[in-house]
Structures are given as structure tokens and as C-alpha cells.
Amino acid sequence: MGDSPAKPFVALLLFLAAFITVSIFMLSLSPTRGQAVQDTTRTHELMGLQLSKEQVQTGSLEGHVSGDFLSTVGYVTGSFDGRPVTYIYIRYRAENGDIIDRLIPRDQVRLRDDLKPGEAARVDIETMKKRTATYSDIQQDPTLCYESNPLRGSSQYSPKEKRVPLAAEKCGRHSDDAQEEWVTEREAPTVVHVPKDAIIVTINPNMVPEEAKKG
């Protein structure tokens, strides 16, 4: 009996599957350039919130203040996904000079009264920036340019100490390349420091600027 007509077709499929597998494997052996990460913490002095009794929720300051007063930190109640949330409301000047109003969920920031009475309140902000690894980044961290070789346990998913480092030139980076700009991935207030004599009030949410940044 002659060969089945299906056999050549099956052989062709097996050949294509093997070719694709080998091609993918060979591509995985190419030099891989990772992302450099820059984590920094900077401190901003808080600006005063000039508040009137109308801006403070009823009863919060009864018997304590008449007229306007100055505070640097306030509580604001709101909701998120249908559940009540308490925010900390602060105002500070960013590095570029912009005045930032910010609402931070209370459970995402630490509030510490660790300053002396009368000392200016401040906030610590953690920033994470990323960029595709440059020549200088690779010189500082050789694992940012590595051989992607799954058989040797060297890949983007493996720990850095398992990667097989390569020279920056293998990843197309050279000492005379133009520097790339960092891109901010995350910027989050982490600690709000207030003096021991600080007045923290609950502010009417309708009095908070609409442009106040949440988170």
C-alpha cells in the first residue's frame, strides 16, 4: 500500500514546529537590556491651610477658634468604591514651584507628631523613576545588560545574581550616547511629620479644591 497522503502534511507541520521552537530559542539568547530604577525620598515643608469655621465640619472646633486660623494638616472624609474613606489633606510646593494640594488615604501614610512645638510640618515623598539602561547605568550595575539564556537560568525573570552579564556595547550602549531622561513611575507621600502642638481638623470636603490630587 502507498503512503497515506496525510504523512507529508504531518511531517511538514513537525518541521515547522521544530523550526519555530529553535528560532524562539535562538532569539532568547540575544543580549537583553534591562531597566534602571532610581528610588529617592525627598522632604517638602508643608504650606499652611488658611481655613475659616465654614470650611471646617460643624462641631470640629466649637469653643476653640473664632475667625480664621492656620493649620497644615487636615482630615477629609469621602468614599471610594462605595465605602467610607478618611483622607489626610496637605499642601506643599513641588520641585518645579507648583503648589500641590493632595488628598492621601489615611491608611497609606504614616502621621507622626515627632517635631518640636512650633516647628514647620513636612511630608516625606518617595519617588520611583525608570529608564532603559544607559551605558553609565550598566557600568554601575552590570546585570542590566545580560545574556538571555533560559538554559543557564539567565532571563528577565531570574534574580540578578543568576544573570550572565555582558559588556554594555553588546546591548548597543556606548560611552558617547546621549543620556536618556528618567520617567516617573510612582510618587507617593509616605510620612507626614507634625509638631506635638499641631491642630488637625476635619475639613468640609466641599471646601477642598477640585484639582486636589488623590493618592
Protein backbone atom coordinates (compact mmCIF):
# COMPACT_ATOMS: atom_id res chain seq x y z
CA MET A 1 0.00 0.00 0.00
CA GLY A 2 1.19 3.58 -0.72
CA ASP A 3 1.96 6.17 1.87
CA SER A 4 -1.00 8.00 3.35
CA PRO A 5 -1.50 11.49 1.84
CA ALA A 6 -1.56 12.84 5.38
CA LYS A 7 2.02 11.79 6.21
CA PRO A 8 3.79 14.53 4.18
CA PHE A 9 1.48 17.11 5.74
CA VAL A 10 2.22 15.86 9.26
CA ALA A 11 5.95 15.86 8.53
CA LEU A 12 5.72 19.45 7.30
CA LEU A 13 3.92 20.51 10.48
CA LEU A 14 6.55 18.82 12.63
CA PHE A 15 9.32 20.53 10.69
CA LEU A 16 7.67 23.96 11.07
CA ALA A 17 7.12 23.39 14.79
CA ALA A 18 10.77 22.44 15.27
CA PHE A 19 11.93 25.43 13.21
CA ILE A 20 9.79 27.86 15.22
CA THR A 21 10.99 26.34 18.51
CA VAL A 22 14.65 26.65 17.52
CA SER A 23 14.12 30.22 16.26
CA ILE A 24 12.46 31.30 19.51
CA PHE A 25 15.28 29.70 21.49
CA MET A 26 17.97 31.41 19.43
CA LEU A 27 16.25 34.77 19.82
CA SER A 28 16.11 34.23 23.57
CA LEU A 29 19.92 34.02 23.58
CA SER A 30 20.25 37.59 22.36
CA PRO A 31 21.68 40.30 24.67
CA THR A 32 18.95 41.88 26.77
CA ARG A 33 18.97 45.38 28.24
CA GLY A 34 17.06 45.91 31.45
CA GLN A 35 15.54 48.98 33.07
CA ALA A 36 17.42 51.13 35.53
CA VAL A 37 15.45 52.14 38.62
CA GLN A 38 16.05 55.23 40.76
CA ASP A 39 14.40 55.40 44.18
CA THR A 40 14.62 58.66 46.10
CA THR A 41 12.98 60.24 49.14
CA ARG A 42 12.66 64.00 49.40
CA THR A 43 11.12 66.17 52.07
CA HIS A 44 8.79 69.11 51.46
CA GLU A 45 7.79 71.64 54.07
CA LEU A 46 4.01 71.86 54.28
CA MET A 47 2.24 75.10 53.48
CA GLY A 48 -0.44 76.47 55.75
CA LEU A 49 -4.13 75.85 55.05
CA GLN A 50 -5.92 79.13 55.73
CA LEU A 51 -9.29 77.88 56.95
CA SER A 52 -12.43 79.54 58.22
CA LYS A 53 -15.00 77.95 60.53
CA GLU A 54 -17.23 77.47 57.48
CA GLN A 55 -14.59 75.21 55.92
CA VAL A 56 -14.40 73.01 58.98
CA GLN A 57 -17.15 70.48 59.53
CA THR A 58 -19.72 71.52 62.13
CA GLY A 59 -18.63 70.91 65.68
CA SER A 60 -14.96 70.19 64.93
CA LEU A 61 -13.68 73.40 66.51
CA GLU A 62 -16.59 74.70 68.56
CA GLY A 63 -15.32 76.58 71.62
CA HIS A 64 -11.71 76.64 70.39
CA VAL A 65 -11.35 79.05 67.48
CA SER A 66 -13.08 82.19 66.31
CA GLY A 67 -12.44 83.61 62.84
CA ASP A 68 -9.73 82.22 60.55
CA PHE A 69 -6.85 80.05 61.70
CA LEU A 70 -3.83 78.38 60.18
CA SER A 71 -3.32 74.62 60.01
CA THR A 72 -1.00 72.49 57.88
CA VAL A 73 -2.80 69.13 58.02
CA GLY A 74 -6.47 68.26 57.87
CA TYR A 75 -8.76 65.25 57.67
CA VAL A 76 -11.33 64.94 54.89
CA THR A 77 -13.98 62.24 54.77
CA GLY A 78 -15.07 60.78 51.45
CA SER A 79 -15.86 57.48 49.77
CA PHE A 80 -14.14 55.04 47.43
CA ASP A 81 -15.89 52.09 45.76
CA GLY A 82 -18.90 52.72 47.94
CA ARG A 83 -17.04 52.59 51.26
CA PRO A 84 -16.13 55.49 53.55
CA VAL A 85 -12.55 56.73 53.41
CA THR A 86 -10.66 59.23 55.55
CA TYR A 87 -8.06 61.29 53.70
CA ILE A 88 -5.22 63.41 55.00
CA TYR A 89 -5.23 66.77 53.23
CA ILE A 90 -1.91 68.62 52.79
CA ARG A 91 -0.47 71.38 50.62
CA TYR A 92 3.18 71.74 49.57
CA ARG A 93 5.36 73.30 46.89
CA ALA A 94 6.77 70.83 44.35
CA GLU A 95 10.31 70.93 42.98
CA ASN A 96 9.13 72.82 39.89
CA GLY A 97 7.48 75.51 42.03
CA ASP A 98 3.88 74.31 41.61
CA ILE A 99 1.66 74.35 44.69
CA ILE A 100 0.20 70.87 45.16
CA ASP A 101 -2.99 70.09 47.08
CA ARG A 102 -3.07 66.40 47.94
CA LEU A 103 -5.57 64.00 49.47
CA ILE A 104 -3.93 60.82 50.79
CA PRO A 105 -5.92 57.85 52.14
CA ARG A 106 -5.18 57.70 55.85
CA ASP A 107 -4.13 54.05 55.69
CA GLN A 108 -1.49 54.81 53.04
CA VAL A 109 0.55 57.32 55.01
CA ARG A 110 2.07 57.49 58.49
CA LEU A 111 1.28 60.52 60.64
CA ARG A 112 3.90 61.32 63.27
CA ASP A 113 3.92 64.10 65.86
CA ASP A 114 7.70 63.90 66.15
CA LEU A 115 8.54 67.59 65.71
CA LYS A 116 9.08 70.21 68.37
CA PRO A 117 6.17 72.56 69.12
CA GLY A 118 6.09 75.37 66.60
CA GLU A 119 8.35 73.56 64.13
CA ALA A 120 7.22 73.54 60.49
CA ALA A 121 5.32 70.39 59.44
CA ARG A 122 6.67 68.43 56.50
CA VAL A 123 6.00 65.43 54.29
CA ASP A 124 8.36 62.72 53.02
CA ILE A 125 7.66 61.73 49.41
CA GLU A 126 9.10 58.56 47.87
CA THR A 127 9.67 58.68 44.11
CA MET A 128 10.47 55.82 41.76
CA LYS A 129 11.83 56.65 38.30
CA LYS A 130 12.75 54.27 35.47
CA ARG A 131 14.55 54.38 32.15
CA THR A 132 16.01 51.89 29.69
CA ALA A 133 19.51 51.19 30.97
CA THR A 134 22.15 53.59 29.65
CA TYR A 135 25.90 53.00 29.31
CA SER A 136 26.56 54.59 32.72
CA ASP A 137 23.71 52.59 34.32
CA ILE A 138 25.25 49.35 33.04
CA GLN A 139 28.68 50.37 34.35
CA GLN A 140 27.12 50.80 37.79
CA ASP A 141 25.03 47.62 37.55
CA PRO A 142 26.44 45.13 35.00
CA THR A 143 23.36 42.89 35.33
CA LEU A 144 21.35 45.49 33.37
CA CYS A 145 22.95 44.09 30.18
CA TYR A 146 22.87 40.31 30.20
CA GLU A 147 22.65 37.19 28.07
CA SER A 148 19.11 35.92 27.97
CA ASN A 149 19.70 32.18 28.20
CA PRO A 150 16.94 30.15 29.90
CA LEU A 151 19.18 27.05 29.92
CA ARG A 152 21.64 28.91 32.15
CA GLY A 153 18.90 30.46 34.28
CA SER A 154 19.64 33.93 32.91
CA SER A 155 16.46 35.81 31.98
CA GLN A 156 14.36 38.82 32.94
CA TYR A 157 12.52 36.65 35.46
CA SER A 158 15.63 35.32 37.21
CA PRO A 159 17.34 37.01 40.18
CA LYS A 160 20.05 39.46 39.19
CA GLU A 161 22.79 37.27 40.64
CA LYS A 162 21.75 34.49 38.22
CA ARG A 163 22.08 36.67 35.12
CA VAL A 164 25.09 36.38 32.81
CA PRO A 165 26.35 39.99 32.45
CA LEU A 166 27.62 41.31 29.13
CA ALA A 167 29.54 44.40 28.10
CA ALA A 168 27.34 47.47 27.53
CA GLU A 169 28.32 47.51 23.86
CA LYS A 170 26.66 44.10 23.41
CA CYS A 171 23.37 45.82 24.28
CA GLY A 172 24.00 48.69 21.88
CA ARG A 173 25.13 51.15 24.55
CA HIS A 174 28.29 53.28 24.24
CA SER A 175 30.03 55.85 26.39
CA ASP A 176 29.26 58.72 23.99
CA ASP A 177 25.50 58.06 23.84
CA ALA A 178 23.16 60.90 24.80
CA GLN A 179 21.68 60.47 28.26
CA GLU A 180 18.04 59.41 28.44
CA GLU A 181 15.59 61.15 30.74
CA TRP A 182 14.14 59.41 33.78
CA VAL A 183 10.40 58.71 33.67
CA THR A 184 8.49 58.98 36.96
CA GLU A 185 6.61 55.74 37.63
CA ARG A 186 5.38 56.45 41.14
CA GLU A 187 5.36 59.36 43.56
CA ALA A 188 3.82 58.70 46.94
CA PRO A 189 3.77 60.60 50.24
CA THR A 190 4.81 58.14 52.96
CA VAL A 191 5.20 60.09 56.22
CA VAL A 192 3.64 63.35 57.40
CA HIS A 193 5.56 64.94 60.29
CA VAL A 194 3.74 67.43 62.53
CA PRO A 195 4.73 69.22 65.75
CA LYS A 196 3.34 67.99 69.04
CA ASP A 197 1.11 71.07 69.33
CA ALA A 198 -0.38 70.65 65.82
CA ILE A 199 -4.07 71.30 65.20
CA ILE A 200 -5.53 68.62 62.92
CA VAL A 201 -9.07 69.42 61.90
CA THR A 202 -11.75 67.69 59.86
CA ILE A 203 -12.44 69.79 56.77
CA ASN A 204 -15.69 70.05 54.88
CA PRO A 205 -14.98 68.06 51.66
CA ASN A 206 -16.89 70.65 49.61
CA MET A 207 -14.20 73.18 50.55
CA VAL A 208 -11.29 71.12 49.16
CA PRO A 209 -10.09 72.34 45.70
CA GLU A 210 -11.38 70.14 42.87
CA GLU A 211 -7.87 69.85 41.44
CA ALA A 212 -6.55 68.27 44.67
CA LYS A 213 -4.60 65.14 43.70
CA LYS A 214 -5.74 61.90 45.31
CA GLY A 215 -3.33 59.19 46.35
